[in-house]
Amino acid sequence: MAHPLVGKYETTDLTALSPEDRVFARTEIKDALSGKSKAKLSPEDRVILLRLWMETFERAAQPATVAEIVNGPAAAAAPRAKASVKTATRRMPSVPIPKFTTLRAVFRALSILRLPDLIFICCGAAVTFAVIMLGIHAMKEAHRIEDVKREAEAVVAWIKENGGDKRAEEGFQPAACIKTSGENWKTCLAAMTAEGGPMLDKKNHFDNSRDFFAPKCDMSNPDTVGTIIIEKGAVPLGSTSLAYTAFDGTESIAKDLTLRVIVCGRGFHLIKVATDLTF
């Protein structure tokens, strides 16, 4: 048989009662739960009365604890307060995020850095700057090499167009390169870059003050970097393959020459542009 309070309050909306009626119902149900009532309370009825007792409270967002059920709400207030204080003492300190709206805020944020932190930041900034500058320098060097190669390709195009029998024609320019002029290779090469020569507007893209042509890529002479070198080809005695050597300047231009055009790059690295040219 169900407990009398179960039949009395189970079908009643306890939240709709007046404050006085809810207090009375709460006290009555509490007495039954604590054993003060004469009627026998079964486990099933205890669960129902517990639910009804909680409905008499207005704190719907915070369910009652076991301490409130057995000893009343006031008895559990003190442990809860202690627990809140204990939780508050264990809270990790929070670091406010600075708003970098003023220069003072920036210096305030930097003030938390220690000397090792500042040294590390400075070293990182220095390394980053050095890498950026190295990249810019390498890019500029690559552009210079490409510009010199384009100038060398223009030289190759002129040699292909004016080599061979064309140098024997009357009115060929420069006149120092005509086969019947009796000049040597050094004079012809100088005439190509002189006033009226086909290479007058050409320049050394590494340094305008440097020569456009050079006899060889000489590691002992840094001014040869960026120059264009024309070498002569010949078959050495006892060999069947063509070998290229530097001009000494005394070679006669009365006969056709087999030429190779190369560029003296950064680090005195030879960059081949064209071989087996006839001039």
C-alpha atoms as a PDB file:
ATOM      1  CA  MET A   1       0.000   0.000   0.000  1.00  0.00           C
ATOM      2  CA  ALA A   2       1.385   3.416  -1.020  1.00  0.00           C
ATOM      3  CA  HIS A   3       2.362   5.988   1.578  1.00  0.00           C
ATOM      4  CA  PRO A   4      -0.433   8.514   2.316  1.00  0.00           C
ATOM      5  CA  LEU A   5       1.729  11.458   1.212  1.00  0.00           C
ATOM      6  CA  VAL A   6       2.308   9.786  -2.150  1.00  0.00           C
ATOM      7  CA  GLY A   7      -1.422   9.679  -2.800  1.00  0.00           C
ATOM      8  CA  LYS A   8      -1.786  13.232  -1.453  1.00  0.00           C
ATOM      9  CA  TYR A   9       0.893  15.008  -3.486  1.00  0.00           C
ATOM     10  CA  GLU A  10       1.669  12.814  -6.516  1.00  0.00           C
ATOM     11  CA  THR A  11      -1.161  14.276  -8.594  1.00  0.00           C
ATOM     12  CA  THR A  12      -0.586  17.819  -7.313  1.00  0.00           C
ATOM     13  CA  ASP A  13       1.478  20.454  -9.117  1.00  0.00           C
ATOM     14  CA  LEU A  14       3.653  21.511  -6.206  1.00  0.00           C
ATOM     15  CA  THR A  15       5.234  24.364  -8.159  1.00  0.00           C
ATOM     16  CA  ALA A  16       1.811  25.973  -8.512  1.00  0.00           C
ATOM     17  CA  LEU A  17       1.197  26.110  -4.734  1.00  0.00           C
ATOM     18  CA  SER A  18       1.618  29.269  -2.735  1.00  0.00           C
ATOM     19  CA  PRO A  19       4.872  29.757  -0.827  1.00  0.00           C
ATOM     20  CA  GLU A  20       3.206  28.866   2.491  1.00  0.00           C
ATOM     21  CA  ASP A  21       1.651  25.663   1.077  1.00  0.00           C
ATOM     22  CA  ARG A  22       4.968  24.622  -0.463  1.00  0.00           C
ATOM     23  CA  VAL A  23       6.748  25.105   2.865  1.00  0.00           C
ATOM     24  CA  PHE A  24       4.108  22.999   4.604  1.00  0.00           C
ATOM     25  CA  ALA A  25       4.323  20.239   1.953  1.00  0.00           C
ATOM     26  CA  ARG A  26       8.118  20.324   2.092  1.00  0.00           C
ATOM     27  CA  THR A  27       8.130  19.935   5.887  1.00  0.00           C
ATOM     28  CA  GLU A  28       5.588  17.151   5.778  1.00  0.00           C
ATOM     29  CA  ILE A  29       7.501  15.199   3.136  1.00  0.00           C
ATOM     30  CA  LYS A  30      10.777  15.795   4.978  1.00  0.00           C
ATOM     31  CA  ASP A  31       9.346  14.312   8.195  1.00  0.00           C
ATOM     32  CA  ALA A  32       8.246  11.243   6.267  1.00  0.00           C
ATOM     33  CA  LEU A  33      11.704  10.852   4.690  1.00  0.00           C
ATOM     34  CA  SER A  34      13.474  11.235   8.031  1.00  0.00           C
ATOM     35  CA  GLY A  35      11.263   8.555   9.675  1.00  0.00           C
ATOM     36  CA  LYS A  36       9.161  10.859  11.851  1.00  0.00           C
ATOM     37  CA  SER A  37       5.985   9.720  10.129  1.00  0.00           C
ATOM     38  CA  LYS A  38       4.166   6.687  11.564  1.00  0.00           C
ATOM     39  CA  ALA A  39       3.365   5.244   8.142  1.00  0.00           C
ATOM     40  CA  LYS A  40       5.804   2.718   6.746  1.00  0.00           C
ATOM     41  CA  LEU A  41       7.898   4.002   3.828  1.00  0.00           C
ATOM     42  CA  SER A  42       8.885   1.573   1.061  1.00  0.00           C
ATOM     43  CA  PRO A  43      11.890   2.172  -1.232  1.00  0.00           C
ATOM     44  CA  GLU A  44       9.569   2.968  -4.130  1.00  0.00           C
ATOM     45  CA  ASP A  45       7.652   5.504  -2.063  1.00  0.00           C
ATOM     46  CA  ARG A  46      10.926   7.045  -0.849  1.00  0.00           C
ATOM     47  CA  VAL A  47      11.985   7.720  -4.434  1.00  0.00           C
ATOM     48  CA  ILE A  48       8.614   9.319  -5.221  1.00  0.00           C
ATOM     49  CA  LEU A  49       8.691  11.462  -2.084  1.00  0.00           C
ATOM     50  CA  LEU A  50      12.229  12.584  -2.846  1.00  0.00           C
ATOM     51  CA  ARG A  51      11.081  13.787  -6.243  1.00  0.00           C
ATOM     52  CA  LEU A  52       8.074  15.549  -4.736  1.00  0.00           C
ATOM     53  CA  TRP A  53      10.218  17.151  -2.048  1.00  0.00           C
ATOM     54  CA  MET A  54      12.582  18.594  -4.662  1.00  0.00           C
ATOM     55  CA  GLU A  55       9.625  20.050  -6.556  1.00  0.00           C
ATOM     56  CA  THR A  56       8.810  22.221  -3.564  1.00  0.00           C
ATOM     57  CA  PHE A  57      12.016  24.205  -4.081  1.00  0.00           C
ATOM     58  CA  GLU A  58      12.267  27.109  -6.504  1.00  0.00           C
ATOM     59  CA  ARG A  59      15.951  26.318  -7.341  1.00  0.00           C
ATOM     60  CA  ALA A  60      15.243  24.298 -10.428  1.00  0.00           C
ATOM     61  CA  ALA A  61      18.703  24.921 -11.877  1.00  0.00           C
ATOM     62  CA  GLN A  62      20.479  23.449  -8.801  1.00  0.00           C
ATOM     63  CA  PRO A  63      19.243  20.006  -7.643  1.00  0.00           C
ATOM     64  CA  ALA A  64      19.260  19.197  -3.966  1.00  0.00           C
ATOM     65  CA  THR A  65      22.100  17.200  -2.496  1.00  0.00           C
ATOM     66  CA  VAL A  66      21.906  14.232  -0.168  1.00  0.00           C
ATOM     67  CA  ALA A  67      22.917  16.462   2.768  1.00  0.00           C
ATOM     68  CA  GLU A  68      19.943  18.752   2.058  1.00  0.00           C
ATOM     69  CA  ILE A  69      17.582  15.811   1.897  1.00  0.00           C
ATOM     70  CA  VAL A  70      18.676  14.280   5.191  1.00  0.00           C
ATOM     71  CA  ASN A  71      19.664  17.333   7.278  1.00  0.00           C
ATOM     72  CA  GLY A  72      18.006  20.163   5.455  1.00  0.00           C
ATOM     73  CA  PRO A  73      19.420  22.874   3.147  1.00  0.00           C
ATOM     74  CA  ALA A  74      21.256  24.775   5.875  1.00  0.00           C
ATOM     75  CA  ALA A  75      23.380  21.759   6.865  1.00  0.00           C
ATOM     76  CA  ALA A  76      24.905  21.458   3.383  1.00  0.00           C
ATOM     77  CA  ALA A  77      25.574  25.162   2.950  1.00  0.00           C
ATOM     78  CA  ALA A  78      28.801  25.160   5.014  1.00  0.00           C
ATOM     79  CA  PRO A  79      30.543  22.272   3.143  1.00  0.00           C
ATOM     80  CA  ARG A  80      29.587  23.856  -0.166  1.00  0.00           C
ATOM     81  CA  ALA A  81      31.091  27.170   0.913  1.00  0.00           C
ATOM     82  CA  LYS A  82      34.327  25.426   1.996  1.00  0.00           C
ATOM     83  CA  ALA A  83      34.472  23.579  -1.304  1.00  0.00           C
ATOM     84  CA  SER A  84      34.051  26.834  -3.238  1.00  0.00           C
ATOM     85  CA  VAL A  85      36.866  28.441  -1.241  1.00  0.00           C
ATOM     86  CA  LYS A  86      39.105  25.425  -1.810  1.00  0.00           C
ATOM     87  CA  THR A  87      38.338  25.458  -5.526  1.00  0.00           C
ATOM     88  CA  ALA A  88      39.099  29.145  -5.705  1.00  0.00           C
ATOM     89  CA  THR A  89      42.511  28.630  -4.113  1.00  0.00           C
ATOM     90  CA  ARG A  90      43.408  25.993  -6.720  1.00  0.00           C
ATOM     91  CA  ARG A  91      42.487  28.140  -9.713  1.00  0.00           C
ATOM     92  CA  MET A  92      45.397  28.680 -12.058  1.00  0.00           C
ATOM     93  CA  PRO A  93      46.409  32.320 -12.492  1.00  0.00           C
ATOM     94  CA  SER A  94      45.345  33.737 -15.827  1.00  0.00           C
ATOM     95  CA  VAL A  95      47.611  35.991 -17.882  1.00  0.00           C
ATOM     96  CA  PRO A  96      45.720  38.803 -19.590  1.00  0.00           C
ATOM     97  CA  ILE A  97      46.345  39.126 -23.294  1.00  0.00           C
ATOM     98  CA  PRO A  98      47.738  42.607 -23.972  1.00  0.00           C
ATOM     99  CA  LYS A  99      46.119  44.790 -26.590  1.00  0.00           C
ATOM    100  CA  PHE A 100      48.861  46.230 -28.749  1.00  0.00           C
ATOM    101  CA  THR A 101      47.093  49.520 -29.413  1.00  0.00           C
ATOM    102  CA  THR A 102      49.811  51.795 -28.069  1.00  0.00           C
ATOM    103  CA  LEU A 103      53.578  51.757 -27.903  1.00  0.00           C
ATOM    104  CA  ARG A 104      53.394  51.624 -24.132  1.00  0.00           C
ATOM    105  CA  ALA A 105      51.394  48.381 -24.327  1.00  0.00           C
ATOM    106  CA  VAL A 106      54.098  46.864 -26.513  1.00  0.00           C
ATOM    107  CA  PHE A 107      56.857  47.738 -24.037  1.00  0.00           C
ATOM    108  CA  ARG A 108      54.703  46.438 -21.177  1.00  0.00           C
ATOM    109  CA  ALA A 109      54.355  43.097 -22.965  1.00  0.00           C
ATOM    110  CA  LEU A 110      58.117  42.968 -23.626  1.00  0.00           C
ATOM    111  CA  SER A 111      58.875  43.628 -19.978  1.00  0.00           C
ATOM    112  CA  ILE A 112      57.990  40.023 -19.091  1.00  0.00           C
ATOM    113  CA  LEU A 113      60.873  38.759 -21.248  1.00  0.00           C
ATOM    114  CA  ARG A 114      64.103  37.769 -19.551  1.00  0.00           C
ATOM    115  CA  LEU A 115      67.629  38.338 -20.843  1.00  0.00           C
ATOM    116  CA  PRO A 116      67.961  34.837 -22.416  1.00  0.00           C
ATOM    117  CA  ASP A 117      64.644  35.409 -24.190  1.00  0.00           C
ATOM    118  CA  LEU A 118      65.833  38.723 -25.595  1.00  0.00           C
ATOM    119  CA  ILE A 119      69.137  37.192 -26.731  1.00  0.00           C
ATOM    120  CA  PHE A 120      67.295  34.358 -28.474  1.00  0.00           C
ATOM    121  CA  ILE A 121      64.919  36.787 -30.213  1.00  0.00           C
ATOM    122  CA  CYS A 122      67.797  38.987 -31.359  1.00  0.00           C
ATOM    123  CA  CYS A 123      69.748  35.998 -32.691  1.00  0.00           C
ATOM    124  CA  GLY A 124      66.675  34.713 -34.509  1.00  0.00           C
ATOM    125  CA  ALA A 125      66.051  38.128 -36.050  1.00  0.00           C
ATOM    126  CA  ALA A 126      69.703  38.410 -37.110  1.00  0.00           C
ATOM    127  CA  VAL A 127      69.702  34.966 -38.728  1.00  0.00           C
ATOM    128  CA  THR A 128      66.422  35.722 -40.516  1.00  0.00           C
ATOM    129  CA  PHE A 129      67.796  39.022 -41.818  1.00  0.00           C
ATOM    130  CA  ALA A 130      71.003  37.332 -42.990  1.00  0.00           C
ATOM    131  CA  VAL A 131      69.052  34.624 -44.847  1.00  0.00           C
ATOM    132  CA  ILE A 132      66.864  37.256 -46.525  1.00  0.00           C
ATOM    133  CA  MET A 133      69.880  39.311 -47.604  1.00  0.00           C
ATOM    134  CA  LEU A 134      71.651  36.183 -48.874  1.00  0.00           C
ATOM    135  CA  GLY A 135      68.577  35.269 -50.897  1.00  0.00           C
ATOM    136  CA  ILE A 136      68.374  38.775 -52.387  1.00  0.00           C
ATOM    137  CA  HIS A 137      72.078  38.670 -53.264  1.00  0.00           C
ATOM    138  CA  ALA A 138      71.752  35.238 -54.888  1.00  0.00           C
ATOM    139  CA  MET A 139      68.756  36.438 -56.907  1.00  0.00           C
ATOM    140  CA  LYS A 140      70.668  39.488 -58.135  1.00  0.00           C
ATOM    141  CA  GLU A 141      73.649  37.309 -59.089  1.00  0.00           C
ATOM    142  CA  ALA A 142      71.371  34.971 -61.043  1.00  0.00           C
ATOM    143  CA  HIS A 143      69.887  37.936 -62.948  1.00  0.00           C
ATOM    144  CA  ARG A 144      73.388  39.228 -63.748  1.00  0.00           C
ATOM    145  CA  ILE A 145      74.486  35.848 -65.102  1.00  0.00           C
ATOM    146  CA  GLU A 146      71.384  35.652 -67.287  1.00  0.00           C
ATOM    147  CA  ASP A 147      72.063  39.160 -68.628  1.00  0.00           C
ATOM    148  CA  VAL A 148      75.663  38.228 -69.483  1.00  0.00           C
ATOM    149  CA  LYS A 149      74.479  35.025 -71.183  1.00  0.00           C
ATOM    150  CA  ARG A 150      72.077  37.062 -73.341  1.00  0.00           C
ATOM    151  CA  GLU A 151      74.966  39.333 -74.355  1.00  0.00           C
ATOM    152  CA  ALA A 152      77.057  36.256 -75.195  1.00  0.00           C
ATOM    153  CA  GLU A 153      74.197  34.863 -77.301  1.00  0.00           C
ATOM    154  CA  ALA A 154      74.157  38.155 -79.222  1.00  0.00           C
ATOM    155  CA  VAL A 155      77.885  37.707 -79.902  1.00  0.00           C
ATOM    156  CA  VAL A 156      77.262  34.148 -81.103  1.00  0.00           C
ATOM    157  CA  ALA A 157      74.479  35.361 -83.417  1.00  0.00           C
ATOM    158  CA  TRP A 158      76.791  37.995 -84.941  1.00  0.00           C
ATOM    159  CA  ILE A 159      79.596  35.452 -85.469  1.00  0.00           C
ATOM    160  CA  LYS A 160      77.218  33.038 -87.205  1.00  0.00           C
ATOM    161  CA  GLU A 161      75.876  35.793 -89.436  1.00  0.00           C
ATOM    162  CA  ASN A 162      79.239  37.329 -90.366  1.00  0.00           C
ATOM    163  CA  GLY A 163      81.630  34.390 -90.258  1.00  0.00           C
ATOM    164  CA  GLY A 164      83.222  32.471 -93.101  1.00  0.00           C
ATOM    165  CA  ASP A 165      83.389  33.972 -96.596  1.00  0.00           C
ATOM    166  CA  LYS A 166      81.396  37.065 -95.602  1.00  0.00           C
ATOM    167  CA  ARG A 167      84.515  38.509 -93.968  1.00  0.00           C
ATOM    168  CA  ALA A 168      86.178  38.567 -97.385  1.00  0.00           C
ATOM    169  CA  GLU A 169      83.541  40.886 -98.886  1.00  0.00           C
ATOM    170  CA  GLU A 170      84.365  44.517 -99.583  1.00  0.00           C
ATOM    171  CA  GLY A 171      82.902  46.951 -97.057  1.00  0.00           C
ATOM    172  CA  PHE A 172      82.703  44.431 -94.206  1.00  0.00           C
ATOM    173  CA  GLN A 173      82.615  46.036 -90.758  1.00  0.00           C
ATOM    174  CA  PRO A 174      84.608  46.239 -88.663  1.00  0.00           C
ATOM    175  CA  ALA A 175      87.357  46.616 -91.265  1.00  0.00           C
ATOM    176  CA  ALA A 176      89.965  45.195 -88.864  1.00  0.00           C
ATOM    177  CA  CYS A 177      88.225  41.812 -89.088  1.00  0.00           C
ATOM    178  CA  ILE A 178      88.377  41.505 -92.908  1.00  0.00           C
ATOM    179  CA  LYS A 179      90.458  38.519 -93.984  1.00  0.00           C
ATOM    180  CA  THR A 180      92.673  40.611 -96.250  1.00  0.00           C
ATOM    181  CA  SER A 181      93.253  43.374 -93.675  1.00  0.00           C
ATOM    182  CA  GLY A 182      96.439  41.761 -92.387  1.00  0.00           C
ATOM    183  CA  GLU A 183      95.368  42.348 -88.805  1.00  0.00           C
ATOM    184  CA  ASN A 184      95.547  39.862 -85.939  1.00  0.00           C
ATOM    185  CA  TRP A 185      92.811  38.598 -83.666  1.00  0.00           C
ATOM    186  CA  LYS A 186      93.537  41.108 -80.875  1.00  0.00           C
ATOM    187  CA  THR A 187      92.989  44.058 -83.230  1.00  0.00           C
ATOM    188  CA  CYS A 188      89.777  42.544 -84.593  1.00  0.00           C
ATOM    189  CA  LEU A 189      88.355  41.910 -81.125  1.00  0.00           C
ATOM    190  CA  ALA A 190      89.156  45.488 -80.034  1.00  0.00           C
ATOM    191  CA  ALA A 191      87.435  46.846 -83.167  1.00  0.00           C
ATOM    192  CA  MET A 192      84.244  44.949 -82.328  1.00  0.00           C
ATOM    193  CA  THR A 193      83.769  47.027 -79.142  1.00  0.00           C
ATOM    194  CA  ALA A 194      85.192  50.294 -80.517  1.00  0.00           C
ATOM    195  CA  GLU A 195      83.265  53.194 -82.076  1.00  0.00           C
ATOM    196  CA  GLY A 196      81.196  51.860 -84.973  1.00  0.00           C
ATOM    197  CA  GLY A 197      81.708  48.238 -83.889  1.00  0.00           C
ATOM    198  CA  PRO A 198      78.836  45.749 -83.564  1.00  0.00           C
ATOM    199  CA  MET A 199      79.382  45.345 -79.793  1.00  0.00           C
ATOM    200  CA  LEU A 200      79.688  49.019 -78.891  1.00  0.00           C
ATOM    201  CA  ASP A 201      76.434  49.090 -76.882  1.00  0.00           C
ATOM    202  CA  LYS A 202      77.286  45.909 -74.952  1.00  0.00           C
ATOM    203  CA  LYS A 203      78.512  46.046 -71.373  1.00  0.00           C
ATOM    204  CA  ASN A 204      79.677  43.910 -68.478  1.00  0.00           C
ATOM    205  CA  HIS A 205      76.569  43.454 -66.318  1.00  0.00           C
ATOM    206  CA  PHE A 206      78.610  42.732 -63.191  1.00  0.00           C
ATOM    207  CA  ASP A 207      80.406  46.079 -63.407  1.00  0.00           C
ATOM    208  CA  ASN A 208      80.196  48.645 -66.199  1.00  0.00           C
ATOM    209  CA  SER A 209      83.834  49.584 -65.653  1.00  0.00           C
ATOM    210  CA  ARG A 210      85.024  46.076 -66.537  1.00  0.00           C
ATOM    211  CA  ASP A 211      85.888  44.926 -70.056  1.00  0.00           C
ATOM    212  CA  PHE A 212      83.273  43.238 -72.189  1.00  0.00           C
ATOM    213  CA  PHE A 213      85.716  40.656 -73.593  1.00  0.00           C
ATOM    214  CA  ALA A 214      88.535  38.923 -71.717  1.00  0.00           C
ATOM    215  CA  PRO A 215      91.223  36.496 -72.938  1.00  0.00           C
ATOM    216  CA  LYS A 216      90.457  34.012 -70.146  1.00  0.00           C
ATOM    217  CA  CYS A 217      88.628  33.556 -66.833  1.00  0.00           C
ATOM    218  CA  ASP A 218      91.482  34.396 -64.501  1.00  0.00           C
ATOM    219  CA  MET A 219      91.091  33.616 -60.775  1.00  0.00           C
ATOM    220  CA  SER A 220      93.893  36.076 -60.003  1.00  0.00           C
ATOM    221  CA  ASN A 221      91.932  38.874 -61.691  1.00  0.00           C
ATOM    222  CA  PRO A 222      88.423  39.439 -60.216  1.00  0.00           C
ATOM    223  CA  ASP A 223      87.604  41.872 -63.053  1.00  0.00           C
ATOM    224  CA  THR A 224      87.252  38.927 -65.440  1.00  0.00           C
ATOM    225  CA  VAL A 225      84.012  37.868 -63.698  1.00  0.00           C
ATOM    226  CA  GLY A 226      81.093  38.685 -66.004  1.00  0.00           C
ATOM    227  CA  THR A 227      83.235  38.893 -69.131  1.00  0.00           C
ATOM    228  CA  ILE A 228      82.714  37.010 -72.405  1.00  0.00           C
ATOM    229  CA  ILE A 229      85.602  34.812 -73.535  1.00  0.00           C
ATOM    230  CA  ILE A 230      86.195  33.648 -77.095  1.00  0.00           C
ATOM    231  CA  GLU A 231      88.535  30.682 -77.454  1.00  0.00           C
ATOM    232  CA  LYS A 232      90.028  29.090 -80.550  1.00  0.00           C
ATOM    233  CA  GLY A 233      89.739  25.421 -81.369  1.00  0.00           C
ATOM    234  CA  ALA A 234      92.462  23.216 -82.768  1.00  0.00           C
ATOM    235  CA  VAL A 235      93.340  19.539 -82.948  1.00  0.00           C
ATOM    236  CA  PRO A 236      96.500  18.911 -80.893  1.00  0.00           C
ATOM    237  CA  LEU A 237      99.260  16.694 -82.253  1.00  0.00           C
ATOM    238  CA  GLY A 238      98.610  13.047 -81.578  1.00  0.00           C
ATOM    239  CA  SER A 239      94.888  13.644 -80.958  1.00  0.00           C
ATOM    240  CA  THR A 240      91.751  13.420 -83.051  1.00  0.00           C
ATOM    241  CA  SER A 241      89.476  15.576 -80.920  1.00  0.00           C
ATOM    242  CA  LEU A 242      89.112  19.345 -80.998  1.00  0.00           C
ATOM    243  CA  ALA A 243      90.530  21.263 -78.027  1.00  0.00           C
ATOM    244  CA  TYR A 244      89.901  24.914 -77.182  1.00  0.00           C
ATOM    245  CA  THR A 245      92.552  27.286 -75.885  1.00  0.00           C
ATOM    246  CA  ALA A 246      92.728  31.006 -75.164  1.00  0.00           C
ATOM    247  CA  PHE A 247      93.847  33.467 -77.834  1.00  0.00           C
ATOM    248  CA  ASP A 248      97.220  35.073 -77.308  1.00  0.00           C
ATOM    249  CA  GLY A 249      96.203  37.928 -79.641  1.00  0.00           C
ATOM    250  CA  THR A 250      98.783  37.311 -82.358  1.00  0.00           C
ATOM    251  CA  GLU A 251      96.662  34.908 -84.439  1.00  0.00           C
ATOM    252  CA  SER A 252      96.066  36.100 -87.965  1.00  0.00           C
ATOM    253  CA  ILE A 253      92.485  36.509 -89.127  1.00  0.00           C
ATOM    254  CA  ALA A 254      93.387  35.719 -92.731  1.00  0.00           C
ATOM    255  CA  LYS A 255      92.058  32.195 -92.308  1.00  0.00           C
ATOM    256  CA  ASP A 256      88.870  30.835 -90.815  1.00  0.00           C
ATOM    257  CA  LEU A 257      88.913  30.053 -87.101  1.00  0.00           C
ATOM    258  CA  THR A 258      86.881  27.575 -85.071  1.00  0.00           C
ATOM    259  CA  LEU A 259      85.610  29.407 -81.996  1.00  0.00           C
ATOM    260  CA  ARG A 260      83.925  28.722 -78.688  1.00  0.00           C
ATOM    261  CA  VAL A 261      82.041  31.392 -76.692  1.00  0.00           C
ATOM    262  CA  ILE A 262      81.882  31.061 -72.897  1.00  0.00           C
ATOM    263  CA  VAL A 263      80.997  33.288 -69.946  1.00  0.00           C
ATOM    264  CA  CYS A 264      83.141  33.769 -66.828  1.00  0.00           C
ATOM    265  CA  GLY A 265      80.570  33.436 -64.066  1.00  0.00           C
ATOM    266  CA  ARG A 266      80.621  33.989 -60.316  1.00  0.00           C
ATOM    267  CA  GLY A 267      83.374  31.976 -58.637  1.00  0.00           C
ATOM    268  CA  PHE A 268      85.190  31.875 -62.010  1.00  0.00           C
ATOM    269  CA  HIS A 269      82.823  29.172 -63.177  1.00  0.00           C
ATOM    270  CA  LEU A 270      82.856  28.727 -66.968  1.00  0.00           C
ATOM    271  CA  ILE A 271      79.428  28.771 -68.618  1.00  0.00           C
ATOM    272  CA  LYS A 272      79.430  27.415 -72.179  1.00  0.00           C
ATOM    273  CA  VAL A 273      77.205  29.316 -74.620  1.00  0.00           C
ATOM    274  CA  ALA A 274      78.189  27.937 -78.065  1.00  0.00           C
ATOM    275  CA  THR A 275      80.902  25.801 -79.672  1.00  0.00           C
ATOM    276  CA  ASP A 276      82.125  24.941 -83.204  1.00  0.00           C
ATOM    277  CA  LEU A 277      81.566  28.427 -84.562  1.00  0.00           C
ATOM    278  CA  THR A 278      83.361  29.331 -87.805  1.00  0.00           C
ATOM    279  CA  PHE A 279      84.683  32.892 -88.175  1.00  0.00           C
END
